[in-house]
Amino acid sequence: MTLEIQNLCLAIVTFLGFGESVSPRHDREKIIEIFGRELLDKVLLVLGEAGAIEVNWSNNLTLAEAGELVRREMQRRHPDFDDLALDAIAWKYTYDWR
């Protein structure tokens, strides 16, 4: 994993507050302070990509199953992302659909 991907993964987790917050947050200032505006833009693109994944809810998916589907799809699209970043993305996705 490159340093750029490591930083992006860390920025995703930090931006969302995964593992620290009870619900996803969007800490833009913290990401800009630590990583810079360019990386914030990449975080927002990744999260937008995840949010745009089509889930067929007519298959009676549970929220957890939909989150796992999104996690797997993001892992397919971004195979270098670490588990923590993928978990954070799925967490945000399921929170947004509650």
N, C-alpha and C. Protein backbone atom coordinates (compact mmCIF):
# COMPACT_ATOMS: atom_id res chain seq x y z
N MET A 1 0.85 -1.17 0.00
CA MET A 1 0.00 0.00 0.00
C MET A 1 0.90 1.24 0.00
N THR A 2 0.60 2.15 -0.89
CA THR A 2 1.40 3.37 -0.98
C THR A 2 1.07 4.32 0.17
N LEU A 3 1.96 5.25 0.40
CA LEU A 3 1.72 6.26 1.44
C LEU A 3 0.48 7.09 1.12
N GLU A 4 0.27 7.37 -0.15
CA GLU A 4 -0.91 8.14 -0.56
C GLU A 4 -2.20 7.41 -0.18
N ILE A 5 -2.25 6.11 -0.44
CA ILE A 5 -3.44 5.31 -0.09
C ILE A 5 -3.58 5.19 1.42
N GLN A 6 -2.47 5.00 2.12
CA GLN A 6 -2.52 4.95 3.59
C GLN A 6 -3.09 6.24 4.15
N ASN A 7 -2.65 7.37 3.63
CA ASN A 7 -3.16 8.66 4.10
C ASN A 7 -4.62 8.84 3.76
N LEU A 8 -5.03 8.41 2.57
CA LEU A 8 -6.43 8.50 2.19
C LEU A 8 -7.29 7.65 3.12
N CYS A 9 -6.86 6.44 3.41
CA CYS A 9 -7.61 5.57 4.33
C CYS A 9 -7.72 6.21 5.71
N LEU A 10 -6.61 6.72 6.21
CA LEU A 10 -6.62 7.38 7.52
C LEU A 10 -7.51 8.62 7.50
N ALA A 11 -7.47 9.35 6.40
CA ALA A 11 -8.29 10.56 6.29
C ALA A 11 -9.79 10.21 6.27
N ILE A 12 -10.17 9.12 5.61
CA ILE A 12 -11.57 8.69 5.60
C ILE A 12 -12.03 8.37 7.02
N VAL A 13 -11.24 7.59 7.73
CA VAL A 13 -11.58 7.20 9.10
C VAL A 13 -11.66 8.43 10.00
N THR A 14 -10.69 9.32 9.87
CA THR A 14 -10.65 10.53 10.70
C THR A 14 -11.80 11.46 10.36
N PHE A 15 -12.06 11.68 9.09
CA PHE A 15 -13.14 12.55 8.64
C PHE A 15 -14.48 12.12 9.22
N LEU A 16 -14.72 10.81 9.22
CA LEU A 16 -15.99 10.29 9.71
C LEU A 16 -16.03 10.10 11.22
N GLY A 17 -14.87 10.10 11.85
CA GLY A 17 -14.83 9.85 13.29
C GLY A 17 -15.09 8.40 13.63
N PHE A 18 -14.80 7.52 12.68
CA PHE A 18 -15.06 6.09 12.88
C PHE A 18 -14.21 5.56 14.04
N GLY A 19 -14.88 4.88 14.96
CA GLY A 19 -14.20 4.33 16.13
C GLY A 19 -14.12 5.31 17.29
N GLU A 20 -14.52 6.55 17.07
CA GLU A 20 -14.48 7.57 18.12
C GLU A 20 -15.84 8.21 18.37
N SER A 21 -16.65 8.29 17.35
CA SER A 21 -17.92 8.99 17.43
C SER A 21 -19.07 7.97 17.37
N VAL A 22 -20.20 8.32 17.97
CA VAL A 22 -21.36 7.41 17.93
C VAL A 22 -22.07 7.47 16.60
N SER A 23 -21.82 8.52 15.83
CA SER A 23 -22.39 8.64 14.49
C SER A 23 -21.37 9.33 13.59
N PRO A 24 -21.47 9.11 12.30
CA PRO A 24 -20.51 9.75 11.39
C PRO A 24 -20.55 11.27 11.50
N ARG A 25 -19.39 11.86 11.46
CA ARG A 25 -19.29 13.32 11.43
C ARG A 25 -18.55 13.67 10.15
N HIS A 26 -18.43 14.93 9.89
CA HIS A 26 -17.75 15.38 8.67
C HIS A 26 -16.79 16.49 9.07
N ASP A 27 -15.63 16.10 9.55
CA ASP A 27 -14.67 17.04 10.11
C ASP A 27 -13.70 17.55 9.03
N ARG A 28 -14.21 18.46 8.20
CA ARG A 28 -13.43 19.01 7.09
C ARG A 28 -12.18 19.73 7.59
N GLU A 29 -12.33 20.55 8.61
CA GLU A 29 -11.22 21.35 9.11
C GLU A 29 -10.06 20.48 9.60
N LYS A 30 -10.41 19.40 10.28
CA LYS A 30 -9.37 18.50 10.79
C LYS A 30 -8.58 17.86 9.65
N ILE A 31 -9.29 17.46 8.59
CA ILE A 31 -8.61 16.83 7.45
C ILE A 31 -7.72 17.84 6.74
N ILE A 32 -8.21 19.05 6.56
CA ILE A 32 -7.40 20.09 5.91
C ILE A 32 -6.16 20.38 6.75
N GLU A 33 -6.35 20.47 8.06
CA GLU A 33 -5.23 20.75 8.96
C GLU A 33 -4.16 19.64 8.91
N ILE A 34 -4.60 18.40 8.90
CA ILE A 34 -3.66 17.27 8.96
C ILE A 34 -3.12 16.91 7.58
N PHE A 35 -4.00 16.84 6.59
CA PHE A 35 -3.63 16.28 5.29
C PHE A 35 -3.65 17.28 4.13
N GLY A 36 -4.39 18.36 4.28
CA GLY A 36 -4.51 19.33 3.19
C GLY A 36 -5.83 19.20 2.45
N ARG A 37 -6.16 20.26 1.73
CA ARG A 37 -7.44 20.33 1.01
C ARG A 37 -7.56 19.28 -0.09
N GLU A 38 -6.46 18.97 -0.75
CA GLU A 38 -6.50 18.00 -1.84
C GLU A 38 -6.97 16.63 -1.36
N LEU A 39 -6.50 16.23 -0.21
CA LEU A 39 -6.92 14.93 0.32
C LEU A 39 -8.37 14.97 0.78
N LEU A 40 -8.81 16.11 1.31
CA LEU A 40 -10.22 16.25 1.66
C LEU A 40 -11.08 16.03 0.42
N ASP A 41 -10.69 16.62 -0.70
CA ASP A 41 -11.44 16.44 -1.94
C ASP A 41 -11.53 14.97 -2.32
N LYS A 42 -10.44 14.23 -2.14
CA LYS A 42 -10.43 12.80 -2.45
C LYS A 42 -11.35 12.02 -1.51
N VAL A 43 -11.34 12.38 -0.24
CA VAL A 43 -12.24 11.73 0.73
C VAL A 43 -13.68 11.95 0.31
N LEU A 44 -14.03 13.16 -0.04
CA LEU A 44 -15.40 13.48 -0.44
C LEU A 44 -15.79 12.72 -1.71
N LEU A 45 -14.85 12.57 -2.64
CA LEU A 45 -15.13 11.80 -3.86
C LEU A 45 -15.41 10.34 -3.53
N VAL A 46 -14.60 9.76 -2.67
CA VAL A 46 -14.78 8.35 -2.29
C VAL A 46 -16.13 8.16 -1.59
N LEU A 47 -16.45 9.03 -0.67
CA LEU A 47 -17.72 8.89 0.05
C LEU A 47 -18.91 9.13 -0.88
N GLY A 48 -18.76 10.04 -1.82
CA GLY A 48 -19.81 10.25 -2.82
C GLY A 48 -20.00 9.02 -3.70
N GLU A 49 -18.89 8.41 -4.06
CA GLU A 49 -18.93 7.18 -4.85
C GLU A 49 -19.67 6.08 -4.09
N ALA A 50 -19.34 5.92 -2.83
CA ALA A 50 -20.00 4.88 -2.02
C ALA A 50 -21.49 5.18 -1.88
N GLY A 51 -21.83 6.43 -1.67
CA GLY A 51 -23.23 6.80 -1.51
C GLY A 51 -24.05 6.60 -2.77
N ALA A 52 -23.39 6.58 -3.92
CA ALA A 52 -24.09 6.43 -5.19
C ALA A 52 -24.26 4.97 -5.62
N ILE A 53 -23.73 4.05 -4.84
CA ILE A 53 -23.87 2.63 -5.20
C ILE A 53 -25.34 2.24 -5.10
N GLU A 54 -25.82 1.64 -6.17
CA GLU A 54 -27.21 1.22 -6.23
C GLU A 54 -27.41 -0.07 -5.43
N VAL A 55 -28.32 -0.03 -4.50
CA VAL A 55 -28.67 -1.21 -3.71
C VAL A 55 -30.11 -1.56 -4.03
N ASN A 56 -30.34 -2.81 -4.37
CA ASN A 56 -31.68 -3.27 -4.70
C ASN A 56 -32.41 -3.65 -3.41
N TRP A 57 -33.11 -2.68 -2.86
CA TRP A 57 -33.81 -2.90 -1.60
C TRP A 57 -35.01 -3.83 -1.76
N SER A 58 -35.46 -4.06 -3.00
CA SER A 58 -36.62 -4.93 -3.20
C SER A 58 -36.29 -6.39 -2.89
N ASN A 59 -35.01 -6.69 -2.72
CA ASN A 59 -34.61 -8.05 -2.33
C ASN A 59 -34.72 -8.26 -0.83
N ASN A 60 -35.38 -7.34 -0.14
CA ASN A 60 -35.57 -7.42 1.30
C ASN A 60 -34.25 -7.49 2.07
N LEU A 61 -33.27 -6.71 1.61
CA LEU A 61 -31.99 -6.65 2.31
C LEU A 61 -32.17 -5.98 3.66
N THR A 62 -31.44 -6.45 4.63
CA THR A 62 -31.37 -5.71 5.89
C THR A 62 -30.38 -4.58 5.69
N LEU A 63 -30.38 -3.64 6.61
CA LEU A 63 -29.44 -2.54 6.56
C LEU A 63 -28.01 -3.06 6.64
N ALA A 64 -27.79 -4.04 7.49
CA ALA A 64 -26.45 -4.63 7.63
C ALA A 64 -26.00 -5.30 6.34
N GLU A 65 -26.91 -6.00 5.67
CA GLU A 65 -26.57 -6.64 4.40
C GLU A 65 -26.25 -5.61 3.33
N ALA A 66 -27.00 -4.51 3.31
CA ALA A 66 -26.73 -3.45 2.34
C ALA A 66 -25.36 -2.83 2.62
N GLY A 67 -25.04 -2.63 3.88
CA GLY A 67 -23.73 -2.09 4.25
C GLY A 67 -22.61 -3.02 3.81
N GLU A 68 -22.81 -4.30 3.97
CA GLU A 68 -21.80 -5.27 3.54
C GLU A 68 -21.66 -5.28 2.03
N LEU A 69 -22.77 -5.14 1.33
CA LEU A 69 -22.73 -5.07 -0.13
C LEU A 69 -21.92 -3.86 -0.58
N VAL A 70 -22.16 -2.71 0.03
CA VAL A 70 -21.41 -1.50 -0.30
C VAL A 70 -19.94 -1.66 0.05
N ARG A 71 -19.67 -2.27 1.18
CA ARG A 71 -18.27 -2.49 1.59
C ARG A 71 -17.55 -3.36 0.56
N ARG A 72 -18.19 -4.44 0.13
CA ARG A 72 -17.57 -5.33 -0.86
C ARG A 72 -17.36 -4.62 -2.20
N GLU A 73 -18.33 -3.82 -2.60
CA GLU A 73 -18.20 -3.10 -3.86
C GLU A 73 -17.07 -2.07 -3.80
N MET A 74 -16.96 -1.38 -2.68
CA MET A 74 -15.87 -0.41 -2.54
C MET A 74 -14.52 -1.13 -2.47
N GLN A 75 -14.48 -2.30 -1.88
CA GLN A 75 -13.24 -3.08 -1.85
C GLN A 75 -12.87 -3.53 -3.26
N ARG A 76 -13.87 -3.87 -4.05
CA ARG A 76 -13.62 -4.26 -5.44
C ARG A 76 -13.06 -3.07 -6.22
N ARG A 77 -13.65 -1.90 -6.02
CA ARG A 77 -13.22 -0.70 -6.74
C ARG A 77 -11.88 -0.16 -6.25
N HIS A 78 -11.62 -0.34 -4.98
CA HIS A 78 -10.40 0.20 -4.34
C HIS A 78 -9.71 -0.91 -3.54
N PRO A 79 -9.10 -1.86 -4.22
CA PRO A 79 -8.53 -3.03 -3.53
C PRO A 79 -7.41 -2.69 -2.54
N ASP A 80 -6.84 -1.51 -2.63
CA ASP A 80 -5.76 -1.14 -1.71
C ASP A 80 -6.27 -0.52 -0.41
N PHE A 81 -7.56 -0.24 -0.32
CA PHE A 81 -8.09 0.34 0.91
C PHE A 81 -7.98 -0.67 2.04
N ASP A 82 -7.66 -0.20 3.23
CA ASP A 82 -7.56 -1.10 4.38
C ASP A 82 -8.95 -1.38 4.96
N ASP A 83 -9.00 -2.39 5.81
CA ASP A 83 -10.28 -2.81 6.40
C ASP A 83 -10.95 -1.69 7.20
N LEU A 84 -10.16 -0.91 7.90
CA LEU A 84 -10.72 0.16 8.73
C LEU A 84 -11.44 1.20 7.87
N ALA A 85 -10.84 1.60 6.77
CA ALA A 85 -11.47 2.57 5.87
C ALA A 85 -12.73 1.98 5.25
N LEU A 86 -12.68 0.72 4.84
CA LEU A 86 -13.86 0.07 4.27
C LEU A 86 -14.98 -0.05 5.30
N ASP A 87 -14.63 -0.38 6.51
CA ASP A 87 -15.63 -0.45 7.59
C ASP A 87 -16.25 0.92 7.85
N ALA A 88 -15.42 1.97 7.81
CA ALA A 88 -15.91 3.33 8.04
C ALA A 88 -16.88 3.74 6.93
N ILE A 89 -16.56 3.39 5.71
CA ILE A 89 -17.44 3.71 4.58
C ILE A 89 -18.78 2.99 4.73
N ALA A 90 -18.74 1.71 5.07
CA ALA A 90 -19.98 0.95 5.25
C ALA A 90 -20.78 1.50 6.42
N TRP A 91 -20.11 1.90 7.49
CA TRP A 91 -20.76 2.47 8.67
C TRP A 91 -21.51 3.74 8.29
N LYS A 92 -20.87 4.60 7.53
CA LYS A 92 -21.52 5.84 7.10
C LYS A 92 -22.72 5.52 6.21
N TYR A 93 -22.54 4.57 5.30
CA TYR A 93 -23.63 4.21 4.39
C TYR A 93 -24.85 3.74 5.17
N THR A 94 -24.65 2.84 6.11
CA THR A 94 -25.80 2.32 6.87
C THR A 94 -26.41 3.40 7.76
N TYR A 95 -25.58 4.27 8.28
CA TYR A 95 -26.12 5.36 9.11
C TYR A 95 -27.00 6.28 8.26
N ASP A 96 -26.56 6.58 7.06
CA ASP A 96 -27.32 7.47 6.18
C ASP A 96 -28.67 6.88 5.79
N TRP A 97 -28.79 5.55 5.81
CA TRP A 97 -30.05 4.90 5.42
C TRP A 97 -30.95 4.58 6.61
N ARG A 98 -30.57 4.94 7.80
CA ARG A 98 -31.41 4.66 8.98
C ARG A 98 -32.64 5.53 8.98
